[in-house]
């Protein structure tokens, strides 16, 4: 999947339900991840908002990817050799 296309297809700030749709997970799961601090968020009054960058941080952390604003493969993946296509 083209990372640039993915970056443009997702809004810069999402509600928990929008984030759940992106991840194809349920309401309970997204709120559990938020309450445990796995996915960071902020509130404006009572509305919970999740910046796209917080979702990218969560994905990188969960997948063991070194992340500096661009998604890059970590060198220590046990599933494949360095440089091998997955």
N, C-alpha and C. Protein backbone atom coordinates (compact mmCIF):
# COMPACT_ATOMS: atom_id res chain seq x y z
N UNK A 1 0.85 -1.18 0.00
CA UNK A 1 0.00 0.00 0.00
C UNK A 1 0.89 1.24 0.00
N UNK A 2 0.52 2.21 -0.77
CA UNK A 2 1.27 3.45 -0.87
C UNK A 2 1.07 4.28 0.39
N UNK A 3 2.16 4.51 1.13
CA UNK A 3 2.09 5.26 2.39
C UNK A 3 1.58 6.67 2.16
N UNK A 4 1.98 7.30 1.07
CA UNK A 4 1.51 8.66 0.78
C UNK A 4 0.00 8.67 0.58
N UNK A 5 -0.54 7.67 -0.12
CA UNK A 5 -1.98 7.58 -0.33
C UNK A 5 -2.68 7.41 1.01
N UNK A 6 -2.15 6.56 1.87
CA UNK A 6 -2.74 6.33 3.19
C UNK A 6 -2.74 7.62 4.00
N UNK A 7 -1.66 8.37 3.96
CA UNK A 7 -1.58 9.62 4.72
C UNK A 7 -2.64 10.62 4.27
N UNK A 8 -2.95 10.66 2.99
CA UNK A 8 -3.94 11.62 2.49
C UNK A 8 -5.36 11.13 2.67
N UNK A 9 -5.57 9.82 2.76
CA UNK A 9 -6.91 9.27 2.85
C UNK A 9 -7.49 9.40 4.25
N UNK A 10 -6.65 9.54 5.25
CA UNK A 10 -7.10 9.62 6.64
C UNK A 10 -7.05 11.08 7.09
N UNK A 11 -8.12 11.58 7.72
CA UNK A 11 -8.11 12.97 8.21
C UNK A 11 -7.00 13.19 9.23
N UNK A 12 -6.60 14.43 9.41
CA UNK A 12 -5.54 14.76 10.36
C UNK A 12 -5.94 14.51 11.81
N UNK A 13 -7.23 14.64 12.12
CA UNK A 13 -7.74 14.40 13.48
C UNK A 13 -9.00 13.54 13.35
N UNK A 14 -9.07 12.49 14.19
CA UNK A 14 -10.19 11.56 14.12
C UNK A 14 -10.88 11.44 15.47
N UNK A 15 -12.14 11.05 15.42
CA UNK A 15 -12.86 10.67 16.63
C UNK A 15 -12.51 9.21 16.92
N UNK A 16 -12.80 8.73 18.13
CA UNK A 16 -12.53 7.31 18.41
C UNK A 16 -13.24 6.37 17.42
N UNK A 17 -14.46 6.68 17.03
CA UNK A 17 -15.17 5.79 16.11
C UNK A 17 -14.55 5.81 14.71
N UNK A 18 -14.05 6.96 14.28
CA UNK A 18 -13.35 7.02 12.99
C UNK A 18 -12.06 6.21 13.05
N UNK A 19 -11.34 6.31 14.16
CA UNK A 19 -10.10 5.53 14.33
C UNK A 19 -10.42 4.04 14.36
N UNK A 20 -11.51 3.66 15.01
CA UNK A 20 -11.92 2.26 15.05
C UNK A 20 -12.19 1.74 13.64
N UNK A 21 -12.81 2.55 12.81
CA UNK A 21 -13.08 2.14 11.42
C UNK A 21 -11.78 1.96 10.64
N UNK A 22 -10.82 2.86 10.86
CA UNK A 22 -9.53 2.75 10.18
C UNK A 22 -8.85 1.43 10.54
N UNK A 23 -8.91 1.06 11.81
CA UNK A 23 -8.25 -0.16 12.29
C UNK A 23 -9.12 -1.41 12.15
N UNK A 24 -10.37 -1.24 11.75
CA UNK A 24 -11.31 -2.37 11.65
C UNK A 24 -11.45 -3.08 13.00
N UNK A 25 -11.64 -2.27 14.04
CA UNK A 25 -11.85 -2.81 15.38
C UNK A 25 -13.15 -2.22 15.94
N UNK A 26 -13.63 -2.77 17.02
CA UNK A 26 -14.88 -2.33 17.60
C UNK A 26 -14.73 -1.15 18.56
N UNK A 27 -15.88 -0.65 18.96
CA UNK A 27 -15.97 0.49 19.87
C UNK A 27 -15.28 0.19 21.20
N UNK A 28 -15.54 -0.97 21.78
CA UNK A 28 -14.94 -1.33 23.07
C UNK A 28 -13.43 -1.39 22.98
N UNK A 29 -12.93 -1.94 21.89
CA UNK A 29 -11.48 -2.08 21.73
C UNK A 29 -10.80 -0.73 21.62
N UNK A 30 -11.35 0.18 20.84
CA UNK A 30 -10.70 1.50 20.69
C UNK A 30 -10.72 2.25 22.01
N UNK A 31 -11.84 2.18 22.75
CA UNK A 31 -11.90 2.88 24.03
C UNK A 31 -10.99 2.23 25.07
N UNK A 32 -10.79 0.92 24.97
CA UNK A 32 -9.85 0.24 25.88
C UNK A 32 -8.43 0.71 25.59
N UNK A 33 -8.06 0.78 24.31
CA UNK A 33 -6.72 1.25 23.93
C UNK A 33 -6.51 2.70 24.39
N UNK A 34 -7.54 3.51 24.29
CA UNK A 34 -7.45 4.90 24.74
C UNK A 34 -7.31 4.98 26.26
N UNK A 35 -8.12 4.22 26.97
CA UNK A 35 -8.09 4.29 28.45
C UNK A 35 -6.79 3.74 29.02
N UNK A 36 -6.18 2.78 28.33
CA UNK A 36 -4.90 2.21 28.78
C UNK A 36 -3.71 3.06 28.34
N UNK A 37 -3.96 4.09 27.55
CA UNK A 37 -2.88 4.95 27.09
C UNK A 37 -2.09 4.38 25.93
N UNK A 38 -2.57 3.29 25.36
CA UNK A 38 -1.89 2.70 24.20
C UNK A 38 -1.97 3.64 22.99
N UNK A 39 -3.14 4.26 22.84
CA UNK A 39 -3.32 5.29 21.82
C UNK A 39 -3.54 6.60 22.57
N UNK A 40 -2.72 7.59 22.26
CA UNK A 40 -2.86 8.89 22.91
C UNK A 40 -4.00 9.67 22.27
N UNK A 41 -4.57 10.57 23.04
CA UNK A 41 -5.66 11.41 22.54
C UNK A 41 -5.70 12.69 23.36
N UNK A 42 -6.59 13.58 22.99
CA UNK A 42 -6.84 14.77 23.80
C UNK A 42 -8.32 15.09 23.73
N UNK A 43 -8.77 15.94 24.63
CA UNK A 43 -10.18 16.31 24.69
C UNK A 43 -10.35 17.80 24.44
N UNK A 44 -11.43 18.13 23.78
CA UNK A 44 -11.94 19.49 23.72
C UNK A 44 -13.34 19.40 24.31
N UNK A 45 -13.46 19.96 25.51
CA UNK A 45 -14.66 19.80 26.34
C UNK A 45 -14.88 18.31 26.56
N UNK A 46 -15.93 17.72 26.01
CA UNK A 46 -16.19 16.29 26.22
C UNK A 46 -15.82 15.43 25.02
N UNK A 47 -15.39 16.06 23.93
CA UNK A 47 -15.09 15.34 22.69
C UNK A 47 -13.65 14.82 22.69
N UNK A 48 -13.49 13.52 22.52
CA UNK A 48 -12.17 12.89 22.44
C UNK A 48 -11.71 12.96 20.99
N UNK A 49 -10.48 13.43 20.79
CA UNK A 49 -9.90 13.54 19.45
C UNK A 49 -8.54 12.85 19.41
N UNK A 50 -8.25 12.24 18.27
CA UNK A 50 -7.00 11.50 18.09
C UNK A 50 -6.33 12.01 16.82
N UNK A 51 -5.21 12.72 16.95
CA UNK A 51 -4.47 13.13 15.76
C UNK A 51 -3.94 11.91 15.00
N UNK A 52 -3.89 12.00 13.69
CA UNK A 52 -3.38 10.92 12.86
C UNK A 52 -1.97 10.53 13.29
N UNK A 53 -1.16 11.49 13.71
CA UNK A 53 0.21 11.19 14.12
C UNK A 53 0.23 10.28 15.35
N UNK A 54 -0.76 10.39 16.24
CA UNK A 54 -0.84 9.50 17.40
C UNK A 54 -1.16 8.07 16.96
N UNK A 55 -1.99 7.93 15.92
CA UNK A 55 -2.28 6.60 15.38
C UNK A 55 -1.03 6.00 14.74
N UNK A 56 -0.27 6.83 14.03
CA UNK A 56 0.98 6.36 13.41
C UNK A 56 1.97 5.92 14.49
N UNK A 57 2.03 6.66 15.59
CA UNK A 57 2.91 6.27 16.70
C UNK A 57 2.49 4.92 17.27
N UNK A 58 1.19 4.72 17.43
CA UNK A 58 0.67 3.45 17.96
C UNK A 58 1.01 2.30 17.03
N UNK A 59 0.82 2.50 15.74
CA UNK A 59 1.13 1.45 14.76
C UNK A 59 2.61 1.10 14.81
N UNK A 60 3.45 2.13 14.81
CA UNK A 60 4.89 1.90 14.84
C UNK A 60 5.31 1.14 16.09
N UNK A 61 4.79 1.56 17.23
CA UNK A 61 5.11 0.91 18.51
C UNK A 61 4.63 -0.54 18.51
N UNK A 62 3.43 -0.77 18.05
CA UNK A 62 2.85 -2.12 18.04
C UNK A 62 3.59 -3.05 17.09
N UNK A 63 4.06 -2.50 15.98
CA UNK A 63 4.72 -3.32 14.96
C UNK A 63 6.23 -3.39 15.15
N UNK A 64 6.77 -2.66 16.12
CA UNK A 64 8.21 -2.67 16.32
C UNK A 64 8.97 -1.95 15.23
N UNK A 65 8.34 -0.91 14.69
CA UNK A 65 8.95 -0.15 13.60
C UNK A 65 9.62 1.09 14.16
N UNK A 66 10.85 1.36 13.71
CA UNK A 66 11.50 2.63 14.05
C UNK A 66 10.77 3.72 13.29
N UNK A 67 10.33 4.76 14.00
CA UNK A 67 9.47 5.76 13.38
C UNK A 67 10.00 7.15 13.67
N UNK A 68 10.23 7.91 12.59
CA UNK A 68 10.71 9.27 12.73
C UNK A 68 9.89 10.23 11.87
N UNK A 69 8.63 9.91 11.70
CA UNK A 69 7.78 10.71 10.82
C UNK A 69 7.52 10.01 9.51
N UNK A 70 8.43 9.13 9.12
CA UNK A 70 8.25 8.27 7.96
C UNK A 70 8.31 6.84 8.44
N UNK A 71 7.43 6.01 7.96
CA UNK A 71 7.43 4.62 8.39
C UNK A 71 8.60 3.91 7.73
N UNK A 72 9.45 3.31 8.57
CA UNK A 72 10.60 2.57 8.10
C UNK A 72 10.66 1.24 8.83
N UNK A 73 11.15 0.22 8.16
CA UNK A 73 11.25 -1.09 8.78
C UNK A 73 12.37 -1.11 9.81
N UNK A 74 12.12 -1.75 10.94
CA UNK A 74 13.16 -1.95 11.94
C UNK A 74 14.11 -3.02 11.42
N UNK A 75 15.36 -2.94 11.81
CA UNK A 75 16.34 -3.90 11.33
C UNK A 75 16.29 -5.22 12.09
N UNK A 76 15.61 -5.28 13.22
CA UNK A 76 15.65 -6.47 14.05
C UNK A 76 14.39 -7.33 13.93
N UNK A 77 13.72 -7.30 12.79
CA UNK A 77 12.53 -8.13 12.62
C UNK A 77 12.93 -9.59 12.47
N UNK A 78 12.33 -10.45 13.25
CA UNK A 78 12.67 -11.86 13.19
C UNK A 78 11.95 -12.59 12.06
N UNK A 79 10.94 -11.96 11.45
CA UNK A 79 10.13 -12.64 10.44
C UNK A 79 10.80 -12.66 9.08
N UNK A 80 11.77 -11.80 8.84
CA UNK A 80 12.38 -11.77 7.52
C UNK A 80 13.80 -11.24 7.61
N UNK A 81 14.56 -11.51 6.57
CA UNK A 81 15.93 -11.03 6.51
C UNK A 81 15.92 -9.57 6.07
N UNK A 82 16.95 -8.85 6.47
CA UNK A 82 17.05 -7.44 6.11
C UNK A 82 17.00 -7.30 4.60
N UNK A 83 16.13 -6.40 4.13
CA UNK A 83 16.01 -6.16 2.70
C UNK A 83 15.04 -7.07 1.99
N UNK A 84 14.57 -8.11 2.67
CA UNK A 84 13.64 -9.04 2.05
C UNK A 84 12.24 -8.43 2.01
N UNK A 85 11.54 -8.60 0.92
CA UNK A 85 10.17 -8.10 0.82
C UNK A 85 9.24 -8.98 1.61
N UNK A 86 8.28 -8.34 2.29
CA UNK A 86 7.30 -9.09 3.07
C UNK A 86 6.02 -9.18 2.32
